[in-house]
N, C-alpha and C. Protein backbone atom coordinates (compact mmCIF):
# COMPACT_ATOMS: atom_id res chain seq x y z
N MET A 1 -1.67 -33.36 -22.01
CA MET A 1 -2.78 -32.81 -21.26
C MET A 1 -2.44 -32.90 -19.77
N LYS A 2 -2.74 -31.83 -19.05
CA LYS A 2 -2.42 -31.75 -17.62
C LYS A 2 -3.44 -32.53 -16.80
N ARG A 3 -2.94 -33.25 -15.80
CA ARG A 3 -3.80 -34.02 -14.90
C ARG A 3 -4.55 -33.04 -13.99
N PRO A 4 -5.87 -33.24 -13.80
CA PRO A 4 -6.64 -32.35 -12.93
C PRO A 4 -6.14 -32.43 -11.48
N GLY A 5 -6.16 -31.30 -10.83
CA GLY A 5 -5.77 -31.26 -9.43
C GLY A 5 -6.88 -31.78 -8.53
N ARG A 6 -6.51 -32.01 -7.27
CA ARG A 6 -7.50 -32.50 -6.30
C ARG A 6 -8.41 -31.34 -5.91
N PRO A 7 -9.70 -31.45 -6.18
CA PRO A 7 -10.63 -30.40 -5.75
C PRO A 7 -10.70 -30.32 -4.22
N PHE A 8 -11.00 -29.14 -3.74
CA PHE A 8 -11.09 -28.93 -2.29
C PHE A 8 -12.16 -29.82 -1.66
N GLY A 9 -13.25 -30.04 -2.37
CA GLY A 9 -14.31 -30.92 -1.86
C GLY A 9 -13.85 -32.35 -1.69
N VAL A 10 -12.98 -32.83 -2.57
CA VAL A 10 -12.42 -34.18 -2.42
C VAL A 10 -11.53 -34.23 -1.19
N ALA A 11 -10.74 -33.19 -0.99
CA ALA A 11 -9.88 -33.14 0.20
C ALA A 11 -10.71 -33.16 1.47
N ILE A 12 -11.82 -32.42 1.48
CA ILE A 12 -12.71 -32.42 2.66
C ILE A 12 -13.34 -33.79 2.85
N ALA A 13 -13.79 -34.43 1.76
CA ALA A 13 -14.44 -35.74 1.86
C ALA A 13 -13.47 -36.78 2.41
N ILE A 14 -12.24 -36.75 1.94
CA ILE A 14 -11.26 -37.74 2.40
C ILE A 14 -10.84 -37.45 3.84
N ALA A 15 -10.62 -36.17 4.16
CA ALA A 15 -10.22 -35.82 5.52
C ALA A 15 -11.33 -36.15 6.53
N ALA A 16 -12.57 -35.87 6.17
CA ALA A 16 -13.68 -36.20 7.08
C ALA A 16 -13.80 -37.71 7.26
N GLY A 17 -13.62 -38.46 6.18
CA GLY A 17 -13.64 -39.91 6.28
C GLY A 17 -12.52 -40.45 7.15
N ILE A 18 -11.32 -39.89 6.99
CA ILE A 18 -10.18 -40.32 7.81
C ILE A 18 -10.48 -40.09 9.28
N PHE A 19 -11.03 -38.93 9.60
CA PHE A 19 -11.33 -38.63 11.00
C PHE A 19 -12.42 -39.54 11.56
N VAL A 20 -13.53 -39.66 10.83
CA VAL A 20 -14.69 -40.37 11.36
C VAL A 20 -14.53 -41.89 11.31
N PHE A 21 -13.94 -42.42 10.23
CA PHE A 21 -13.88 -43.86 10.06
C PHE A 21 -12.51 -44.45 10.39
N GLY A 22 -11.50 -43.61 10.57
CA GLY A 22 -10.16 -44.10 10.86
C GLY A 22 -9.68 -43.71 12.24
N LEU A 23 -9.57 -42.41 12.46
CA LEU A 23 -8.97 -41.93 13.72
C LEU A 23 -9.91 -42.07 14.92
N LEU A 24 -11.17 -41.74 14.76
CA LEU A 24 -12.11 -41.81 15.88
C LEU A 24 -12.24 -43.22 16.45
N PRO A 25 -12.39 -44.27 15.62
CA PRO A 25 -12.43 -45.62 16.19
C PRO A 25 -11.12 -46.01 16.89
N LEU A 26 -9.99 -45.60 16.33
CA LEU A 26 -8.71 -45.92 16.97
C LEU A 26 -8.55 -45.16 18.29
N LEU A 27 -9.03 -43.93 18.34
CA LEU A 27 -8.99 -43.17 19.60
C LEU A 27 -9.89 -43.80 20.66
N GLN A 28 -11.05 -44.31 20.25
CA GLN A 28 -11.95 -44.98 21.19
C GLN A 28 -11.29 -46.23 21.78
N ILE A 29 -10.62 -46.99 20.94
CA ILE A 29 -9.93 -48.19 21.41
C ILE A 29 -8.81 -47.81 22.37
N GLY A 30 -8.04 -46.80 21.98
CA GLY A 30 -6.94 -46.35 22.84
C GLY A 30 -7.43 -45.86 24.19
N MET A 31 -8.54 -45.13 24.20
CA MET A 31 -9.09 -44.63 25.46
C MET A 31 -9.57 -45.79 26.34
N ALA A 32 -10.27 -46.76 25.73
CA ALA A 32 -10.77 -47.90 26.50
C ALA A 32 -9.62 -48.70 27.10
N LEU A 33 -8.60 -48.94 26.31
CA LEU A 33 -7.45 -49.70 26.81
C LEU A 33 -6.68 -48.93 27.87
N THR A 34 -6.59 -47.62 27.73
CA THR A 34 -5.90 -46.80 28.73
C THR A 34 -6.65 -46.82 30.06
N VAL A 35 -7.96 -46.68 30.02
CA VAL A 35 -8.76 -46.72 31.25
C VAL A 35 -8.65 -48.09 31.91
N ARG A 36 -8.74 -49.13 31.10
CA ARG A 36 -8.61 -50.48 31.65
C ARG A 36 -7.25 -50.67 32.30
N GLN A 37 -6.19 -50.24 31.64
CA GLN A 37 -4.84 -50.39 32.18
C GLN A 37 -4.65 -49.56 33.44
N HIS A 38 -5.26 -48.40 33.48
CA HIS A 38 -5.16 -47.53 34.65
C HIS A 38 -5.74 -48.23 35.89
N PHE A 39 -6.90 -48.84 35.74
CA PHE A 39 -7.52 -49.48 36.88
C PHE A 39 -6.87 -50.81 37.24
N LEU A 40 -6.21 -51.43 36.29
CA LEU A 40 -5.48 -52.66 36.60
C LEU A 40 -4.23 -52.37 37.42
N ASN A 41 -3.68 -51.18 37.29
CA ASN A 41 -2.45 -50.81 37.99
C ASN A 41 -2.69 -50.11 39.33
N ARG A 42 -3.94 -49.97 39.73
CA ARG A 42 -4.25 -49.27 40.98
C ARG A 42 -3.95 -50.15 42.19
N SER A 43 -3.93 -49.53 43.35
CA SER A 43 -3.69 -50.27 44.59
C SER A 43 -4.89 -51.14 44.93
N THR A 44 -4.73 -51.97 45.97
CA THR A 44 -5.80 -52.91 46.34
C THR A 44 -7.04 -52.19 46.86
N SER A 45 -6.88 -51.05 47.53
CA SER A 45 -8.07 -50.34 48.02
C SER A 45 -8.87 -49.79 46.85
N ALA A 46 -8.20 -49.34 45.81
CA ALA A 46 -8.92 -48.85 44.63
C ALA A 46 -9.55 -50.02 43.88
N ASP A 47 -8.91 -51.18 43.94
CA ASP A 47 -9.48 -52.36 43.29
C ASP A 47 -10.83 -52.71 43.91
N LEU A 48 -10.93 -52.53 45.23
CA LEU A 48 -12.19 -52.83 45.88
C LEU A 48 -13.29 -51.88 45.40
N LEU A 49 -12.93 -50.62 45.19
CA LEU A 49 -13.92 -49.65 44.72
C LEU A 49 -14.31 -49.90 43.27
N ALA A 50 -13.37 -50.39 42.47
CA ALA A 50 -13.62 -50.56 41.04
C ALA A 50 -14.01 -51.98 40.67
N SER A 51 -14.16 -52.84 41.64
CA SER A 51 -14.47 -54.23 41.30
C SER A 51 -15.84 -54.34 40.65
N GLY A 52 -15.89 -55.12 39.60
CA GLY A 52 -17.14 -55.33 38.90
C GLY A 52 -17.52 -54.23 37.93
N ALA A 53 -16.71 -53.21 37.82
CA ALA A 53 -17.03 -52.10 36.92
C ALA A 53 -16.69 -52.47 35.49
N ASN A 54 -17.48 -51.97 34.58
CA ASN A 54 -17.25 -52.19 33.17
C ASN A 54 -16.82 -50.87 32.56
N PHE A 55 -15.53 -50.74 32.26
CA PHE A 55 -14.98 -49.46 31.82
C PHE A 55 -14.99 -49.29 30.31
N ILE A 56 -15.32 -50.33 29.58
CA ILE A 56 -15.26 -50.21 28.12
C ILE A 56 -16.63 -50.45 27.47
N GLY A 57 -17.68 -50.40 28.21
CA GLY A 57 -19.03 -50.44 27.66
C GLY A 57 -19.44 -51.79 27.10
N GLY A 58 -18.96 -52.86 27.65
CA GLY A 58 -19.37 -54.19 27.21
C GLY A 58 -18.77 -54.61 25.88
N VAL A 59 -17.72 -53.95 25.46
CA VAL A 59 -17.06 -54.30 24.20
C VAL A 59 -16.02 -55.36 24.48
N THR A 60 -16.05 -56.44 23.71
CA THR A 60 -15.10 -57.52 23.92
C THR A 60 -13.78 -57.22 23.20
N GLY A 61 -12.77 -57.99 23.53
CA GLY A 61 -11.47 -57.82 22.89
C GLY A 61 -11.54 -58.10 21.39
N GLU A 62 -12.36 -59.06 20.98
CA GLU A 62 -12.51 -59.37 19.57
C GLU A 62 -13.17 -58.22 18.82
N GLN A 63 -14.14 -57.58 19.45
CA GLN A 63 -14.80 -56.43 18.82
C GLN A 63 -13.83 -55.26 18.67
N MET A 64 -12.99 -55.05 19.68
CA MET A 64 -12.00 -53.97 19.57
C MET A 64 -10.97 -54.28 18.49
N LEU A 65 -10.58 -55.55 18.38
CA LEU A 65 -9.63 -55.93 17.34
C LEU A 65 -10.24 -55.73 15.96
N LEU A 66 -11.50 -56.13 15.79
CA LEU A 66 -12.19 -55.93 14.52
C LEU A 66 -12.29 -54.44 14.19
N GLN A 67 -12.61 -53.63 15.17
CA GLN A 67 -12.72 -52.19 14.97
C GLN A 67 -11.37 -51.61 14.55
N ALA A 68 -10.30 -52.07 15.18
CA ALA A 68 -8.96 -51.59 14.83
C ALA A 68 -8.57 -52.00 13.41
N VAL A 69 -8.86 -53.24 13.04
CA VAL A 69 -8.52 -53.72 11.70
C VAL A 69 -9.30 -52.94 10.64
N LEU A 70 -10.59 -52.72 10.88
CA LEU A 70 -11.40 -51.96 9.93
C LEU A 70 -10.90 -50.53 9.80
N ALA A 71 -10.54 -49.91 10.92
CA ALA A 71 -10.05 -48.53 10.88
C ALA A 71 -8.72 -48.44 10.14
N LEU A 72 -7.82 -49.37 10.38
CA LEU A 72 -6.52 -49.35 9.70
C LEU A 72 -6.69 -49.64 8.20
N ALA A 73 -7.57 -50.57 7.86
CA ALA A 73 -7.83 -50.85 6.44
C ALA A 73 -8.42 -49.62 5.76
N PHE A 74 -9.30 -48.91 6.46
CA PHE A 74 -9.87 -47.70 5.88
C PHE A 74 -8.80 -46.64 5.67
N LEU A 75 -7.86 -46.52 6.60
CA LEU A 75 -6.79 -45.54 6.43
C LEU A 75 -5.94 -45.85 5.20
N VAL A 76 -5.70 -47.12 4.93
CA VAL A 76 -4.95 -47.51 3.72
C VAL A 76 -5.73 -47.11 2.47
N ILE A 77 -7.03 -47.39 2.48
CA ILE A 77 -7.88 -47.00 1.34
C ILE A 77 -7.86 -45.48 1.17
N ALA A 78 -7.91 -44.75 2.26
CA ALA A 78 -7.92 -43.29 2.20
C ALA A 78 -6.62 -42.73 1.62
N VAL A 79 -5.50 -43.38 1.91
CA VAL A 79 -4.22 -42.92 1.34
C VAL A 79 -4.25 -43.04 -0.18
N PHE A 80 -4.75 -44.17 -0.69
CA PHE A 80 -4.84 -44.34 -2.14
C PHE A 80 -5.87 -43.38 -2.74
N ALA A 81 -6.96 -43.13 -2.03
CA ALA A 81 -7.95 -42.17 -2.53
C ALA A 81 -7.37 -40.76 -2.55
N TRP A 82 -6.54 -40.43 -1.59
CA TRP A 82 -5.90 -39.11 -1.57
C TRP A 82 -5.02 -38.93 -2.79
N ARG A 83 -4.30 -39.99 -3.17
CA ARG A 83 -3.45 -39.93 -4.36
C ARG A 83 -4.29 -39.86 -5.63
N GLY A 84 -5.47 -40.46 -5.61
CA GLY A 84 -6.33 -40.45 -6.79
C GLY A 84 -6.02 -41.56 -7.77
N ARG A 85 -5.18 -42.46 -7.39
CA ARG A 85 -4.81 -43.57 -8.27
C ARG A 85 -4.90 -44.87 -7.52
N PRO A 86 -5.31 -45.91 -8.11
CA PRO A 86 -5.88 -46.08 -9.44
C PRO A 86 -7.27 -45.46 -9.53
N PRO A 87 -7.77 -45.24 -10.74
CA PRO A 87 -9.07 -44.55 -10.89
C PRO A 87 -10.23 -45.21 -10.15
N MET A 88 -10.15 -46.52 -9.92
CA MET A 88 -11.25 -47.19 -9.23
C MET A 88 -11.30 -46.86 -7.74
N MET A 89 -10.32 -46.13 -7.23
CA MET A 89 -10.30 -45.78 -5.80
C MET A 89 -11.50 -44.93 -5.41
N ARG A 90 -12.05 -44.20 -6.35
CA ARG A 90 -13.26 -43.42 -6.05
C ARG A 90 -14.36 -44.36 -5.64
N PHE A 91 -14.56 -45.45 -6.37
CA PHE A 91 -15.61 -46.41 -6.05
C PHE A 91 -15.29 -47.19 -4.78
N ILE A 92 -14.03 -47.55 -4.60
CA ILE A 92 -13.62 -48.30 -3.41
C ILE A 92 -13.80 -47.44 -2.16
N TYR A 93 -13.40 -46.18 -2.25
CA TYR A 93 -13.53 -45.27 -1.10
C TYR A 93 -14.99 -45.06 -0.74
N VAL A 94 -15.81 -44.78 -1.74
CA VAL A 94 -17.25 -44.58 -1.49
C VAL A 94 -17.86 -45.86 -0.92
N GLY A 95 -17.50 -47.00 -1.49
CA GLY A 95 -18.01 -48.28 -1.00
C GLY A 95 -17.60 -48.56 0.43
N ALA A 96 -16.35 -48.22 0.78
CA ALA A 96 -15.87 -48.42 2.15
C ALA A 96 -16.64 -47.53 3.13
N VAL A 97 -16.88 -46.30 2.74
CA VAL A 97 -17.62 -45.37 3.61
C VAL A 97 -19.05 -45.87 3.82
N VAL A 98 -19.70 -46.29 2.74
CA VAL A 98 -21.08 -46.79 2.85
C VAL A 98 -21.12 -48.07 3.68
N ALA A 99 -20.16 -48.97 3.44
CA ALA A 99 -20.14 -50.24 4.18
C ALA A 99 -19.90 -50.01 5.68
N LEU A 100 -18.96 -49.14 6.03
CA LEU A 100 -18.69 -48.88 7.44
C LEU A 100 -19.87 -48.19 8.13
N THR A 101 -20.57 -47.33 7.40
CA THR A 101 -21.76 -46.70 7.97
C THR A 101 -22.85 -47.74 8.20
N GLY A 102 -23.00 -48.67 7.28
CA GLY A 102 -23.98 -49.75 7.45
C GLY A 102 -23.64 -50.67 8.61
N VAL A 103 -22.35 -51.00 8.75
CA VAL A 103 -21.92 -51.84 9.87
C VAL A 103 -22.20 -51.14 11.19
N LYS A 104 -21.92 -49.84 11.24
CA LYS A 104 -22.18 -49.08 12.47
C LYS A 104 -23.67 -49.02 12.77
N LEU A 105 -24.50 -48.90 11.73
CA LEU A 105 -25.95 -48.89 11.94
C LEU A 105 -26.41 -50.20 12.55
N VAL A 106 -25.91 -51.31 12.03
CA VAL A 106 -26.28 -52.61 12.59
C VAL A 106 -25.83 -52.71 14.05
N ALA A 107 -24.63 -52.22 14.35
CA ALA A 107 -24.13 -52.26 15.73
C ALA A 107 -24.97 -51.39 16.66
N VAL A 108 -25.38 -50.22 16.17
CA VAL A 108 -26.20 -49.32 17.00
C VAL A 108 -27.57 -49.94 17.25
N ILE A 109 -28.16 -50.55 16.22
CA ILE A 109 -29.46 -51.19 16.40
C ILE A 109 -29.35 -52.36 17.37
N ALA A 110 -28.31 -53.16 17.22
CA ALA A 110 -28.12 -54.29 18.14
C ALA A 110 -27.92 -53.81 19.57
N GLN A 111 -27.18 -52.72 19.74
CA GLN A 111 -26.93 -52.19 21.08
C GLN A 111 -28.21 -51.58 21.67
N THR A 112 -29.02 -50.99 20.83
CA THR A 112 -30.26 -50.37 21.31
C THR A 112 -31.26 -51.42 21.79
N PHE A 113 -31.36 -52.50 21.05
CA PHE A 113 -32.34 -53.53 21.42
C PHE A 113 -31.77 -54.59 22.36
N ASN A 114 -30.53 -54.44 22.76
CA ASN A 114 -29.92 -55.37 23.71
C ASN A 114 -30.42 -55.00 25.11
N THR A 115 -31.23 -55.85 25.68
CA THR A 115 -31.77 -55.56 27.02
C THR A 115 -30.73 -55.92 28.08
N PRO A 116 -30.57 -55.07 29.06
CA PRO A 116 -29.60 -55.37 30.12
C PRO A 116 -30.02 -56.59 30.93
N ASP A 117 -29.05 -57.37 31.30
CA ASP A 117 -29.30 -58.60 32.05
C ASP A 117 -28.64 -58.46 33.42
N ILE A 118 -29.33 -58.85 34.45
CA ILE A 118 -28.80 -58.73 35.81
C ILE A 118 -27.57 -59.62 36.00
N GLN A 119 -27.48 -60.73 35.25
CA GLN A 119 -26.33 -61.62 35.37
C GLN A 119 -25.06 -60.96 34.84
N THR A 120 -25.18 -60.22 33.73
CA THR A 120 -24.00 -59.57 33.14
C THR A 120 -23.74 -58.22 33.78
N GLY A 121 -24.70 -57.70 34.48
CA GLY A 121 -24.52 -56.42 35.16
C GLY A 121 -25.22 -55.30 34.42
N ILE A 122 -25.67 -54.35 35.21
CA ILE A 122 -26.33 -53.18 34.66
C ILE A 122 -25.52 -51.97 35.10
N SER A 123 -25.24 -51.13 34.15
CA SER A 123 -24.40 -49.96 34.42
C SER A 123 -25.19 -48.69 34.13
N SER A 124 -24.92 -47.67 34.91
CA SER A 124 -25.56 -46.39 34.64
C SER A 124 -25.00 -45.75 33.38
N GLY A 125 -23.86 -46.25 32.92
CA GLY A 125 -23.27 -45.72 31.70
C GLY A 125 -23.83 -46.33 30.43
N ASP A 126 -24.67 -47.36 30.55
CA ASP A 126 -25.22 -48.01 29.36
C ASP A 126 -26.01 -47.03 28.49
N ASP A 127 -26.85 -46.22 29.11
CA ASP A 127 -27.61 -45.23 28.35
C ASP A 127 -26.70 -44.20 27.71
N LEU A 128 -25.65 -43.83 28.42
CA LEU A 128 -24.69 -42.88 27.87
C LEU A 128 -23.99 -43.48 26.65
N PHE A 129 -23.58 -44.74 26.74
CA PHE A 129 -22.92 -45.40 25.62
C PHE A 129 -23.86 -45.49 24.41
N ARG A 130 -25.13 -45.76 24.66
CA ARG A 130 -26.11 -45.82 23.56
C ARG A 130 -26.27 -44.45 22.91
N SER A 131 -26.37 -43.41 23.71
CA SER A 131 -26.54 -42.06 23.16
C SER A 131 -25.33 -41.64 22.36
N VAL A 132 -24.14 -41.93 22.85
CA VAL A 132 -22.92 -41.59 22.13
C VAL A 132 -22.84 -42.37 20.83
N ALA A 133 -23.23 -43.64 20.85
CA ALA A 133 -23.19 -44.46 19.64
C ALA A 133 -24.16 -43.93 18.59
N VAL A 134 -25.34 -43.52 19.01
CA VAL A 134 -26.31 -42.96 18.06
C VAL A 134 -25.80 -41.65 17.50
N GLY A 135 -25.25 -40.80 18.34
CA GLY A 135 -24.69 -39.53 17.88
C GLY A 135 -23.53 -39.74 16.91
N GLN A 136 -22.68 -40.71 17.20
CA GLN A 136 -21.56 -41.01 16.31
C GLN A 136 -22.09 -41.53 14.97
N TRP A 137 -23.14 -42.35 15.00
CA TRP A 137 -23.68 -42.85 13.75
C TRP A 137 -24.28 -41.72 12.92
N VAL A 138 -24.94 -40.77 13.56
CA VAL A 138 -25.49 -39.62 12.82
C VAL A 138 -24.36 -38.86 12.13
N LEU A 139 -23.25 -38.65 12.83
CA LEU A 139 -22.10 -37.98 12.24
C LEU A 139 -21.56 -38.80 11.06
N GLU A 140 -21.43 -40.11 11.22
CA GLU A 140 -20.96 -40.97 10.14
C GLU A 140 -21.90 -40.92 8.95
N PHE A 141 -23.20 -40.89 9.22
CA PHE A 141 -24.18 -40.85 8.14
C PHE A 141 -24.05 -39.54 7.35
N MET A 142 -23.86 -38.44 8.04
CA MET A 142 -23.71 -37.15 7.35
C MET A 142 -22.43 -37.12 6.52
N VAL A 143 -21.35 -37.67 7.06
CA VAL A 143 -20.10 -37.75 6.29
C VAL A 143 -20.31 -38.66 5.07
N MET A 144 -21.03 -39.77 5.26
CA MET A 144 -21.29 -40.67 4.14
C MET A 144 -22.07 -39.95 3.04
N LEU A 145 -23.09 -39.20 3.41
CA LEU A 145 -23.86 -38.47 2.41
C LEU A 145 -22.98 -37.49 1.63
N TYR A 146 -22.11 -36.78 2.33
CA TYR A 146 -21.22 -35.83 1.66
C TYR A 146 -20.25 -36.54 0.73
N VAL A 147 -19.66 -37.64 1.20
CA VAL A 147 -18.70 -38.38 0.38
C VAL A 147 -19.37 -38.91 -0.88
N VAL A 148 -20.53 -39.52 -0.74
CA VAL A 148 -21.23 -40.06 -1.91
C VAL A 148 -21.61 -38.94 -2.87
N TRP A 149 -22.10 -37.84 -2.33
CA TRP A 149 -22.51 -36.72 -3.17
C TRP A 149 -21.32 -36.10 -3.89
N TYR A 150 -20.28 -35.77 -3.16
CA TYR A 150 -19.20 -35.01 -3.78
C TYR A 150 -18.34 -35.87 -4.70
N LEU A 151 -18.07 -37.10 -4.33
CA LEU A 151 -17.21 -37.91 -5.18
C LEU A 151 -17.89 -38.36 -6.47
N ASN A 152 -19.18 -38.06 -6.61
CA ASN A 152 -19.87 -38.33 -7.87
C ASN A 152 -20.06 -37.06 -8.69
N ARG A 153 -19.48 -35.96 -8.27
CA ARG A 153 -19.53 -34.72 -9.05
C ARG A 153 -18.44 -34.73 -10.10
N GLY A 154 -18.59 -33.89 -11.09
CA GLY A 154 -17.67 -33.85 -12.23
C GLY A 154 -16.21 -33.61 -11.87
N PRO A 155 -15.90 -32.60 -11.03
CA PRO A 155 -14.48 -32.37 -10.70
C PRO A 155 -13.83 -33.55 -9.99
N ALA A 156 -14.58 -34.21 -9.13
CA ALA A 156 -14.03 -35.38 -8.42
C ALA A 156 -13.82 -36.53 -9.39
N ARG A 157 -14.77 -36.74 -10.29
CA ARG A 157 -14.61 -37.81 -11.28
C ARG A 157 -13.41 -37.53 -12.17
N ALA A 158 -13.21 -36.28 -12.56
CA ALA A 158 -12.05 -35.93 -13.39
C ALA A 158 -10.75 -36.16 -12.64
N PHE A 159 -10.72 -35.84 -11.35
CA PHE A 159 -9.51 -36.06 -10.55
C PHE A 159 -9.15 -37.54 -10.51
N PHE A 160 -10.12 -38.39 -10.23
CA PHE A 160 -9.83 -39.81 -10.14
C PHE A 160 -9.59 -40.44 -11.51
N ARG A 161 -10.26 -39.92 -12.55
CA ARG A 161 -10.07 -40.43 -13.89
C ARG A 161 -8.70 -40.03 -14.43
N GLY A 162 -8.24 -38.83 -14.05
CA GLY A 162 -6.92 -38.36 -14.48
C GLY A 162 -6.95 -37.41 -15.66
N TYR A 163 -8.12 -37.10 -16.17
CA TYR A 163 -8.23 -36.16 -17.29
C TYR A 163 -9.65 -35.61 -17.31
N TYR A 164 -9.76 -34.42 -17.95
CA TYR A 164 -11.07 -33.82 -18.15
C TYR A 164 -11.69 -34.38 -19.42
N LEU A 165 -13.00 -34.49 -19.45
CA LEU A 165 -13.68 -34.91 -20.66
C LEU A 165 -13.72 -33.73 -21.63
N PRO A 166 -13.66 -33.99 -22.92
CA PRO A 166 -13.72 -32.87 -23.88
C PRO A 166 -15.11 -32.24 -23.89
N LEU A 167 -15.16 -30.97 -24.28
CA LEU A 167 -16.44 -30.29 -24.41
C LEU A 167 -17.22 -30.94 -25.55
N PRO A 168 -18.55 -30.85 -25.55
CA PRO A 168 -19.34 -31.49 -26.61
C PRO A 168 -18.93 -31.04 -28.02
N ALA A 169 -18.62 -29.78 -28.21
CA ALA A 169 -18.21 -29.29 -29.53
C ALA A 169 -16.88 -29.92 -29.94
N GLN A 170 -15.96 -30.03 -29.00
CA GLN A 170 -14.67 -30.65 -29.29
C GLN A 170 -14.83 -32.14 -29.57
N ALA A 171 -15.70 -32.79 -28.86
CA ALA A 171 -15.93 -34.21 -29.07
C ALA A 171 -16.52 -34.46 -30.45
N ALA A 172 -17.40 -33.58 -30.90
CA ALA A 172 -18.01 -33.74 -32.22
C ALA A 172 -16.97 -33.58 -33.32
N THR A 173 -16.06 -32.64 -33.17
CA THR A 173 -15.03 -32.45 -34.19
C THR A 173 -14.05 -33.60 -34.20
N GLN A 174 -13.79 -34.20 -33.05
CA GLN A 174 -12.86 -35.31 -33.00
C GLN A 174 -13.49 -36.59 -33.53
N ASP A 175 -14.79 -36.78 -33.29
CA ASP A 175 -15.47 -38.01 -33.72
C ASP A 175 -15.79 -37.99 -35.21
N ASN A 176 -16.32 -36.86 -35.70
CA ASN A 176 -16.75 -36.79 -37.08
C ASN A 176 -16.43 -35.41 -37.65
N PRO A 177 -15.23 -35.23 -38.20
CA PRO A 177 -14.86 -33.91 -38.71
C PRO A 177 -15.75 -33.44 -39.87
N ALA A 178 -16.34 -34.34 -40.64
CA ALA A 178 -17.18 -33.96 -41.76
C ALA A 178 -18.48 -33.33 -41.27
N GLN A 179 -18.95 -33.72 -40.09
CA GLN A 179 -20.19 -33.18 -39.55
C GLN A 179 -20.06 -31.71 -39.23
N VAL A 180 -18.90 -31.26 -38.78
CA VAL A 180 -18.71 -29.87 -38.39
C VAL A 180 -18.68 -28.98 -39.63
N ARG A 181 -18.13 -29.47 -40.75
CA ARG A 181 -18.00 -28.67 -41.96
C ARG A 181 -19.36 -28.37 -42.60
N SER A 182 -20.32 -29.21 -42.44
CA SER A 182 -21.60 -29.02 -43.13
C SER A 182 -22.51 -28.07 -42.44
């Protein structure tokens, strides 16, 4: 029996997940580190202009490291989901997407209710960072809904299972041949 091919919807679900949960967080980290490095290498007159500025939106090094580890782990899961083996990768992939969306929701809620403190500094970019985070979460939520919906459809289940289920008439003949004769 021939193994089912990867449905186009599965390819879209995995590609969207790779972009939203893998590449986008890594690009954000790369951009923050690039901006930070750029201002660290500036002359002393530019240092005076940029002193006290927060270029990465209040994200600590530990948070960036956690974001990078989660993104890289998700990319590994996505590679196995793309292959379709082992069959449990469908559940692992869906679980990873749901878990990362939940983690992002908690982070967005914490960032929204985090009141600015004069001691830590107030930035005009804080509202922008909150808006971008909410918009990114909405995108992640929509991708999560698509992944959960499509990977639970019949063609996706057959792809991860590795075979198609027999038709009901074929299953009846295989289970009880005497029943078909009567």
